[in-house]
Amino acid sequence: MPHPWSIIEVLLLLALANGCPIAAKRLLGNHFSFPLDCGAIFLDGQPVFGASKTIRGIVVALLVTAFGGFLLTESWALGLVVGSASMVGDLLSSFVKRRLGFPPSAQATGLDQIFEVVLPALAVMPLLSLTWIDVLAIIVLFFVGEIVLSKWLLRLGFRDHPY
């Protein structure tokens, strides 16, 4: 049996995890913006993650999703699991994009979304007793939602690039 409320909770937490680093950048500019990879170069001569993946973004995403988890479900741990898994997925996609030669913040539809939604959905699957249908619904709704919402966020000046 599908779990619609759990699907909505996960999607809201994913929105927080992925939106808060962008909001922090808008609010703080370059203040407290330190690249997570410290400018390190990987074996292929490309940055490990790139300058757009910052410690500030990771910290903000984790704190806000933990707080969001508490507000939504009275479980900060659920928010922290979603935020952590989403940030790991985001870093993984950035790592792959650098290996493929994409510059930081470049659009790679599909690759930009897949890791940051699949990892959190699978991580919370046992915690929320989600079914495979629930996980598939989260993946599809996140992917479609990010594509649709990003165009609106671009028009409002919240994003620099549509994704």
N, C-alpha and C. Protein backbone atom coordinates (compact mmCIF):
# COMPACT_ATOMS: atom_id res chain seq x y z
N MET A 1 0.85 -1.19 0.00
CA MET A 1 0.00 0.00 0.00
C MET A 1 0.89 1.25 0.00
N PRO A 2 0.64 2.18 -0.89
CA PRO A 2 1.45 3.42 -0.95
C PRO A 2 1.33 4.24 0.34
N HIS A 3 2.35 5.00 0.59
CA HIS A 3 2.42 5.86 1.77
C HIS A 3 2.50 7.33 1.33
N PRO A 4 1.37 7.94 0.95
CA PRO A 4 1.44 9.30 0.38
C PRO A 4 2.04 10.34 1.31
N TRP A 5 1.74 10.30 2.61
CA TRP A 5 2.28 11.30 3.52
C TRP A 5 3.80 11.16 3.61
N SER A 6 4.30 9.93 3.67
CA SER A 6 5.75 9.71 3.72
C SER A 6 6.42 10.20 2.44
N ILE A 7 5.78 10.00 1.31
CA ILE A 7 6.32 10.48 0.04
C ILE A 7 6.42 12.00 0.07
N ILE A 8 5.39 12.66 0.56
CA ILE A 8 5.39 14.13 0.65
C ILE A 8 6.47 14.60 1.61
N GLU A 9 6.61 13.94 2.75
CA GLU A 9 7.65 14.32 3.72
C GLU A 9 9.04 14.24 3.10
N VAL A 10 9.31 13.14 2.43
CA VAL A 10 10.63 12.97 1.82
C VAL A 10 10.86 14.03 0.74
N LEU A 11 9.85 14.29 -0.07
CA LEU A 11 9.99 15.32 -1.11
C LEU A 11 10.24 16.71 -0.50
N LEU A 12 9.54 17.03 0.56
CA LEU A 12 9.77 18.33 1.22
C LEU A 12 11.18 18.41 1.80
N LEU A 13 11.63 17.33 2.41
CA LEU A 13 12.99 17.32 2.95
C LEU A 13 14.04 17.41 1.85
N LEU A 14 13.78 16.74 0.73
CA LEU A 14 14.69 16.85 -0.42
C LEU A 14 14.73 18.28 -0.96
N ALA A 15 13.57 18.93 -0.98
CA ALA A 15 13.53 20.33 -1.43
C ALA A 15 14.36 21.21 -0.50
N LEU A 16 14.26 20.98 0.80
CA LEU A 16 15.08 21.74 1.75
C LEU A 16 16.56 21.46 1.53
N ALA A 17 16.92 20.20 1.43
CA ALA A 17 18.33 19.82 1.29
C ALA A 17 18.94 20.44 0.04
N ASN A 18 18.18 20.47 -1.04
CA ASN A 18 18.74 20.97 -2.30
C ASN A 18 18.55 22.47 -2.49
N GLY A 19 17.58 23.05 -1.81
CA GLY A 19 17.33 24.48 -1.96
C GLY A 19 18.11 25.36 -1.00
N CYS A 20 18.40 24.85 0.18
CA CYS A 20 19.06 25.68 1.19
C CYS A 20 20.48 26.11 0.82
N PRO A 21 21.29 25.26 0.19
CA PRO A 21 22.60 25.76 -0.23
C PRO A 21 22.50 26.91 -1.24
N ILE A 22 21.49 26.86 -2.10
CA ILE A 22 21.30 27.94 -3.07
C ILE A 22 20.85 29.21 -2.34
N ALA A 23 19.94 29.04 -1.38
CA ALA A 23 19.47 30.19 -0.59
C ALA A 23 20.62 30.80 0.20
N ALA A 24 21.48 29.96 0.78
CA ALA A 24 22.62 30.46 1.54
C ALA A 24 23.55 31.26 0.63
N LYS A 25 23.75 30.79 -0.59
CA LYS A 25 24.60 31.51 -1.54
C LYS A 25 23.98 32.87 -1.87
N ARG A 26 22.66 32.90 -2.08
CA ARG A 26 21.97 34.16 -2.38
C ARG A 26 22.07 35.14 -1.22
N LEU A 27 21.89 34.63 0.00
CA LEU A 27 21.89 35.49 1.18
C LEU A 27 23.29 35.94 1.60
N LEU A 28 24.26 35.04 1.48
CA LEU A 28 25.58 35.31 2.02
C LEU A 28 26.64 35.64 0.98
N GLY A 29 26.29 35.48 -0.31
CA GLY A 29 27.29 35.73 -1.34
C GLY A 29 28.47 34.78 -1.18
N ASN A 30 29.67 35.33 -1.14
CA ASN A 30 30.87 34.50 -0.98
C ASN A 30 31.30 34.34 0.47
N HIS A 31 30.57 34.96 1.42
CA HIS A 31 30.93 34.81 2.83
C HIS A 31 30.76 33.36 3.26
N PHE A 32 31.75 32.86 3.97
CA PHE A 32 31.75 31.49 4.50
C PHE A 32 31.71 30.44 3.40
N SER A 33 32.08 30.83 2.19
CA SER A 33 32.03 29.92 1.06
C SER A 33 33.43 29.34 0.84
N PHE A 34 33.62 28.12 1.31
CA PHE A 34 34.91 27.46 1.16
C PHE A 34 34.69 26.14 0.44
N PRO A 35 35.38 25.91 -0.69
CA PRO A 35 35.17 24.68 -1.45
C PRO A 35 35.42 23.42 -0.61
N LEU A 36 34.51 22.49 -0.67
CA LEU A 36 34.62 21.26 0.08
C LEU A 36 35.88 20.49 -0.29
N ASP A 37 36.25 20.53 -1.56
CA ASP A 37 37.44 19.79 -2.01
C ASP A 37 38.73 20.59 -1.81
N CYS A 38 38.63 21.78 -1.23
CA CYS A 38 39.78 22.66 -0.95
C CYS A 38 40.60 22.95 -2.21
N GLY A 39 39.94 22.88 -3.37
CA GLY A 39 40.62 23.16 -4.61
C GLY A 39 41.48 22.00 -5.12
N ALA A 40 41.32 20.84 -4.50
CA ALA A 40 42.14 19.67 -4.90
C ALA A 40 41.80 19.25 -6.33
N ILE A 41 42.82 18.76 -6.99
CA ILE A 41 42.69 18.28 -8.36
C ILE A 41 42.79 16.76 -8.35
N PHE A 42 41.89 16.11 -9.07
CA PHE A 42 41.88 14.65 -9.14
C PHE A 42 42.91 14.17 -10.16
N LEU A 43 43.08 12.88 -10.28
CA LEU A 43 44.08 12.29 -11.18
C LEU A 43 43.90 12.70 -12.64
N ASP A 44 42.67 13.04 -13.03
CA ASP A 44 42.40 13.42 -14.42
C ASP A 44 42.66 14.90 -14.69
N GLY A 45 43.16 15.63 -13.69
CA GLY A 45 43.47 17.05 -13.86
C GLY A 45 42.29 17.97 -13.62
N GLN A 46 41.13 17.41 -13.29
CA GLN A 46 39.92 18.21 -13.01
C GLN A 46 39.72 18.32 -11.50
N PRO A 47 39.00 19.36 -11.05
CA PRO A 47 38.69 19.45 -9.62
C PRO A 47 37.92 18.21 -9.16
N VAL A 48 38.07 17.87 -7.89
CA VAL A 48 37.35 16.72 -7.34
C VAL A 48 35.85 16.95 -7.45
N PHE A 49 35.37 18.09 -6.91
CA PHE A 49 33.94 18.43 -6.98
C PHE A 49 33.71 19.75 -7.71
N GLY A 50 34.60 20.70 -7.53
CA GLY A 50 34.44 22.03 -8.10
C GLY A 50 34.13 23.05 -7.03
N ALA A 51 34.33 24.30 -7.36
CA ALA A 51 34.19 25.40 -6.41
C ALA A 51 32.76 25.61 -5.93
N SER A 52 31.77 25.13 -6.67
CA SER A 52 30.38 25.37 -6.28
C SER A 52 29.91 24.45 -5.14
N LYS A 53 30.68 23.44 -4.81
CA LYS A 53 30.34 22.54 -3.69
C LYS A 53 31.11 23.01 -2.47
N THR A 54 30.39 23.67 -1.56
CA THR A 54 31.04 24.32 -0.43
C THR A 54 30.68 23.67 0.90
N ILE A 55 31.56 23.87 1.86
CA ILE A 55 31.30 23.41 3.22
C ILE A 55 30.05 24.11 3.74
N ARG A 56 29.91 25.41 3.44
CA ARG A 56 28.72 26.15 3.87
C ARG A 56 27.45 25.48 3.36
N GLY A 57 27.43 25.10 2.10
CA GLY A 57 26.25 24.47 1.51
C GLY A 57 25.90 23.16 2.19
N ILE A 58 26.91 22.34 2.46
CA ILE A 58 26.67 21.05 3.12
C ILE A 58 26.15 21.28 4.54
N VAL A 59 26.79 22.15 5.29
CA VAL A 59 26.37 22.42 6.68
C VAL A 59 24.95 22.96 6.72
N VAL A 60 24.66 23.93 5.88
CA VAL A 60 23.31 24.51 5.84
C VAL A 60 22.28 23.44 5.48
N ALA A 61 22.56 22.63 4.48
CA ALA A 61 21.63 21.58 4.07
C ALA A 61 21.36 20.61 5.22
N LEU A 62 22.39 20.20 5.92
CA LEU A 62 22.21 19.24 7.02
C LEU A 62 21.43 19.85 8.18
N LEU A 63 21.78 21.07 8.55
CA LEU A 63 21.07 21.73 9.65
C LEU A 63 19.60 21.97 9.33
N VAL A 64 19.34 22.47 8.14
CA VAL A 64 17.96 22.80 7.78
C VAL A 64 17.11 21.55 7.59
N THR A 65 17.66 20.51 6.99
CA THR A 65 16.85 19.29 6.83
C THR A 65 16.64 18.59 8.17
N ALA A 66 17.60 18.66 9.07
CA ALA A 66 17.39 18.10 10.41
C ALA A 66 16.25 18.86 11.11
N PHE A 67 16.27 20.18 11.03
CA PHE A 67 15.20 20.98 11.62
C PHE A 67 13.88 20.72 10.91
N GLY A 68 13.91 20.61 9.58
CA GLY A 68 12.71 20.30 8.82
C GLY A 68 12.14 18.95 9.18
N GLY A 69 13.01 17.97 9.39
CA GLY A 69 12.56 16.65 9.82
C GLY A 69 11.87 16.71 11.17
N PHE A 70 12.40 17.52 12.07
CA PHE A 70 11.78 17.69 13.38
C PHE A 70 10.39 18.34 13.24
N LEU A 71 10.30 19.38 12.41
CA LEU A 71 9.01 20.06 12.23
C LEU A 71 7.97 19.17 11.56
N LEU A 72 8.39 18.39 10.56
CA LEU A 72 7.46 17.56 9.81
C LEU A 72 7.07 16.27 10.53
N THR A 73 8.05 15.65 11.17
CA THR A 73 7.83 14.30 11.70
C THR A 73 8.22 14.14 13.16
N GLU A 74 8.69 15.21 13.78
CA GLU A 74 9.24 15.18 15.13
C GLU A 74 10.48 14.30 15.20
N SER A 75 11.14 14.12 14.04
CA SER A 75 12.36 13.32 13.99
C SER A 75 13.43 14.08 13.23
N TRP A 76 14.32 14.73 13.98
CA TRP A 76 15.42 15.43 13.33
C TRP A 76 16.32 14.42 12.61
N ALA A 77 16.37 13.18 13.13
CA ALA A 77 17.23 12.16 12.52
C ALA A 77 16.77 11.83 11.10
N LEU A 78 15.45 11.79 10.87
CA LEU A 78 14.95 11.53 9.52
C LEU A 78 15.42 12.63 8.57
N GLY A 79 15.30 13.88 9.00
CA GLY A 79 15.77 14.99 8.18
C GLY A 79 17.26 14.91 7.93
N LEU A 80 18.01 14.52 8.94
CA LEU A 80 19.46 14.39 8.79
C LEU A 80 19.83 13.27 7.82
N VAL A 81 19.09 12.17 7.86
CA VAL A 81 19.34 11.07 6.92
C VAL A 81 19.06 11.53 5.49
N VAL A 82 17.92 12.18 5.27
CA VAL A 82 17.58 12.66 3.93
C VAL A 82 18.61 13.69 3.46
N GLY A 83 18.94 14.65 4.31
CA GLY A 83 19.91 15.68 3.94
C GLY A 83 21.28 15.10 3.65
N SER A 84 21.74 14.20 4.49
CA SER A 84 23.07 13.59 4.30
C SER A 84 23.12 12.78 3.01
N ALA A 85 22.13 11.94 2.81
CA ALA A 85 22.12 11.10 1.60
C ALA A 85 22.00 11.96 0.34
N SER A 86 21.21 13.02 0.42
CA SER A 86 21.06 13.90 -0.73
C SER A 86 22.37 14.62 -1.05
N MET A 87 23.06 15.09 -0.01
CA MET A 87 24.34 15.78 -0.23
C MET A 87 25.40 14.81 -0.76
N VAL A 88 25.41 13.58 -0.27
CA VAL A 88 26.34 12.58 -0.81
C VAL A 88 26.03 12.35 -2.29
N GLY A 89 24.74 12.24 -2.61
CA GLY A 89 24.34 12.06 -4.00
C GLY A 89 24.72 13.24 -4.87
N ASP A 90 24.55 14.45 -4.34
CA ASP A 90 24.91 15.66 -5.08
C ASP A 90 26.42 15.70 -5.33
N LEU A 91 27.19 15.34 -4.32
CA LEU A 91 28.64 15.31 -4.49
C LEU A 91 29.06 14.23 -5.49
N LEU A 92 28.39 13.10 -5.44
CA LEU A 92 28.68 12.03 -6.39
C LEU A 92 28.41 12.48 -7.82
N SER A 93 27.27 13.16 -8.03
CA SER A 93 26.97 13.64 -9.39
C SER A 93 27.98 14.71 -9.82
N SER A 94 28.41 15.58 -8.89
CA SER A 94 29.43 16.57 -9.23
C SER A 94 30.75 15.90 -9.59
N PHE A 95 31.11 14.87 -8.84
CA PHE A 95 32.34 14.13 -9.12
C PHE A 95 32.29 13.52 -10.52
N VAL A 96 31.16 12.89 -10.84
CA VAL A 96 30.99 12.27 -12.17
C VAL A 96 31.02 13.34 -13.26
N LYS A 97 30.32 14.46 -13.03
CA LYS A 97 30.30 15.53 -14.04
C LYS A 97 31.69 16.09 -14.29
N ARG A 98 32.51 16.23 -13.24
CA ARG A 98 33.88 16.71 -13.45
C ARG A 98 34.66 15.70 -14.30
N ARG A 99 34.45 14.40 -14.07
CA ARG A 99 35.15 13.38 -14.86
C ARG A 99 34.70 13.41 -16.31
N LEU A 100 33.45 13.80 -16.54
CA LEU A 100 32.92 13.88 -17.91
C LEU A 100 33.25 15.22 -18.58
N GLY A 101 33.92 16.12 -17.85
CA GLY A 101 34.34 17.39 -18.42
C GLY A 101 33.34 18.53 -18.29
N PHE A 102 32.26 18.33 -17.53
CA PHE A 102 31.30 19.42 -17.31
C PHE A 102 31.90 20.42 -16.32
N PRO A 103 31.76 21.72 -16.58
CA PRO A 103 32.23 22.71 -15.61
C PRO A 103 31.29 22.77 -14.41
N PRO A 104 31.76 23.32 -13.27
CA PRO A 104 30.89 23.46 -12.10
C PRO A 104 29.59 24.20 -12.44
N SER A 105 28.50 23.74 -11.90
CA SER A 105 27.16 24.30 -12.08
C SER A 105 26.58 24.06 -13.47
N ALA A 106 27.26 23.27 -14.30
CA ALA A 106 26.74 22.96 -15.63
C ALA A 106 25.57 21.99 -15.50
N GLN A 107 24.62 22.14 -16.38
CA GLN A 107 23.43 21.29 -16.36
C GLN A 107 23.72 19.94 -17.00
N ALA A 108 23.28 18.88 -16.33
CA ALA A 108 23.35 17.53 -16.86
C ALA A 108 22.06 16.83 -16.43
N THR A 109 20.99 17.10 -17.15
CA THR A 109 19.67 16.58 -16.78
C THR A 109 19.73 15.07 -16.61
N GLY A 110 19.19 14.61 -15.54
CA GLY A 110 19.22 13.19 -15.20
C GLY A 110 20.33 12.93 -14.21
N LEU A 111 21.55 13.22 -14.61
CA LEU A 111 22.69 13.03 -13.71
C LEU A 111 22.60 13.98 -12.51
N ASP A 112 22.09 15.20 -12.75
CA ASP A 112 21.93 16.16 -11.66
C ASP A 112 20.91 15.70 -10.63
N GLN A 113 19.95 14.91 -11.02
CA GLN A 113 18.88 14.53 -10.12
C GLN A 113 19.01 13.11 -9.55
N ILE A 114 19.54 12.18 -10.31
CA ILE A 114 19.40 10.78 -9.96
C ILE A 114 20.02 10.40 -8.62
N PHE A 115 21.28 10.77 -8.40
CA PHE A 115 21.93 10.35 -7.15
C PHE A 115 21.33 11.06 -5.94
N GLU A 116 20.98 12.34 -6.11
CA GLU A 116 20.49 13.10 -4.95
C GLU A 116 19.06 12.75 -4.56
N VAL A 117 18.38 11.92 -5.36
CA VAL A 117 17.05 11.45 -4.96
C VAL A 117 17.04 9.96 -4.67
N VAL A 118 17.79 9.18 -5.43
CA VAL A 118 17.78 7.72 -5.22
C VAL A 118 18.41 7.37 -3.88
N LEU A 119 19.57 7.94 -3.56
CA LEU A 119 20.23 7.61 -2.30
C LEU A 119 19.37 7.92 -1.08
N PRO A 120 18.77 9.13 -1.00
CA PRO A 120 17.91 9.40 0.16
C PRO A 120 16.67 8.51 0.20
N ALA A 121 16.05 8.27 -0.96
CA ALA A 121 14.84 7.43 -0.98
C ALA A 121 15.16 6.03 -0.48
N LEU A 122 16.28 5.49 -0.90
CA LEU A 122 16.67 4.16 -0.43
C LEU A 122 17.08 4.18 1.04
N ALA A 123 17.71 5.27 1.48
CA ALA A 123 18.14 5.38 2.88
C ALA A 123 16.96 5.41 3.84
N VAL A 124 15.87 6.07 3.45
CA VAL A 124 14.72 6.17 4.36
C VAL A 124 13.69 5.07 4.12
N MET A 125 13.91 4.27 3.11
CA MET A 125 12.95 3.20 2.79
C MET A 125 12.63 2.33 4.02
N PRO A 126 13.63 1.81 4.73
CA PRO A 126 13.29 1.00 5.91
C PRO A 126 12.77 1.83 7.09
N LEU A 127 13.22 3.08 7.20
CA LEU A 127 12.79 3.93 8.31
C LEU A 127 11.31 4.28 8.23
N LEU A 128 10.81 4.45 7.01
CA LEU A 128 9.42 4.86 6.80
C LEU A 128 8.55 3.72 6.26
N SER A 129 9.11 2.53 6.20
CA SER A 129 8.40 1.36 5.64
C SER A 129 7.88 1.64 4.23
N LEU A 130 8.72 2.28 3.43
CA LEU A 130 8.33 2.60 2.07
C LEU A 130 8.37 1.35 1.19
N THR A 131 7.49 1.32 0.23
CA THR A 131 7.50 0.25 -0.77
C THR A 131 8.35 0.70 -1.95
N TRP A 132 8.61 -0.23 -2.87
CA TRP A 132 9.34 0.13 -4.08
C TRP A 132 8.53 1.11 -4.93
N ILE A 133 7.22 1.00 -4.87
CA ILE A 133 6.34 1.95 -5.58
C ILE A 133 6.50 3.35 -4.98
N ASP A 134 6.59 3.43 -3.65
CA ASP A 134 6.81 4.72 -2.98
C ASP A 134 8.14 5.34 -3.43
N VAL A 135 9.18 4.52 -3.46
CA VAL A 135 10.51 5.00 -3.87
C VAL A 135 10.46 5.49 -5.31
N LEU A 136 9.82 4.72 -6.17
CA LEU A 136 9.69 5.14 -7.58
C LEU A 136 8.91 6.45 -7.68
N ALA A 137 7.85 6.58 -6.88
CA ALA A 137 7.06 7.82 -6.89
C ALA A 137 7.92 9.01 -6.45
N ILE A 138 8.74 8.82 -5.42
CA ILE A 138 9.62 9.89 -4.94
C ILE A 138 10.59 10.30 -6.05
N ILE A 139 11.18 9.32 -6.72
CA ILE A 139 12.15 9.61 -7.78
C ILE A 139 11.49 10.38 -8.92
N VAL A 140 10.35 9.90 -9.38
CA VAL A 140 9.67 10.54 -10.52
C VAL A 140 9.19 11.94 -10.14
N LEU A 141 8.55 12.07 -8.97
CA LEU A 141 8.03 13.38 -8.55
C LEU A 141 9.16 14.38 -8.31
N PHE A 142 10.26 13.93 -7.75
CA PHE A 142 11.40 14.83 -7.54
C PHE A 142 11.96 15.30 -8.87
N PHE A 143 12.17 14.36 -9.78
CA PHE A 143 12.73 14.69 -11.09
C PHE A 143 11.84 15.70 -11.82
N VAL A 144 10.55 15.41 -11.91
CA VAL A 144 9.61 16.31 -12.60
C VAL A 144 9.51 17.64 -11.86
N GLY A 145 9.40 17.57 -10.54
CA GLY A 145 9.29 18.79 -9.73
C GLY A 145 10.49 19.69 -9.88
N GLU A 146 11.69 19.10 -9.89
CA GLU A 146 12.89 19.93 -10.02
C GLU A 146 12.96 20.60 -11.38
N ILE A 147 12.58 19.89 -12.41
CA ILE A 147 12.60 20.47 -13.76
C ILE A 147 11.60 21.62 -13.85
N VAL A 148 10.39 21.40 -13.36
CA VAL A 148 9.34 22.42 -13.44
C VAL A 148 9.64 23.60 -12.53
N LEU A 149 9.97 23.32 -11.26
CA LEU A 149 10.20 24.40 -10.31
C LEU A 149 11.44 25.23 -10.65
N SER A 150 12.46 24.59 -11.21
CA SER A 150 13.69 25.33 -11.48
C SER A 150 13.47 26.45 -12.49
N LYS A 151 12.54 26.25 -13.42
CA LYS A 151 12.25 27.31 -14.39
C LYS A 151 11.61 28.51 -13.70
N TRP A 152 10.73 28.25 -12.74
CA TRP A 152 10.11 29.33 -11.97
C TRP A 152 11.14 30.02 -11.09
N LEU A 153 12.01 29.23 -10.46
CA LEU A 153 13.03 29.80 -9.59
C LEU A 153 14.02 30.65 -10.39
N LEU A 154 14.29 30.26 -11.62
CA LEU A 154 15.15 31.05 -12.49
C LEU A 154 14.49 32.40 -12.80
N ARG A 155 13.21 32.37 -13.13
CA ARG A 155 12.47 33.61 -13.42
C ARG A 155 12.42 34.54 -12.23
N LEU A 156 12.35 33.98 -11.02
CA LEU A 156 12.30 34.79 -9.81
C LEU A 156 13.69 35.27 -9.38
N GLY A 157 14.72 34.82 -10.09
CA GLY A 157 16.08 35.23 -9.76
C GLY A 157 16.72 34.44 -8.65
N PHE A 158 16.09 33.33 -8.26
CA PHE A 158 16.62 32.52 -7.17
C PHE A 158 17.72 31.59 -7.67
N ARG A 159 17.65 31.21 -8.93
CA ARG A 159 18.66 30.32 -9.52
C ARG A 159 19.38 31.04 -10.65
N ASP A 160 20.63 30.64 -10.88
CA ASP A 160 21.42 31.18 -11.98
C ASP A 160 21.20 30.40 -13.26
N HIS A 161 20.89 29.11 -13.13
CA HIS A 161 20.74 28.21 -14.27
C HIS A 161 19.50 27.35 -14.08
N PRO A 162 18.76 27.06 -15.12
CA PRO A 162 17.64 26.12 -14.99
C PRO A 162 18.16 24.69 -14.95
N TYR A 163 17.55 23.85 -14.12
CA TYR A 163 17.91 22.43 -14.06
C TYR A 163 16.66 21.62 -14.15
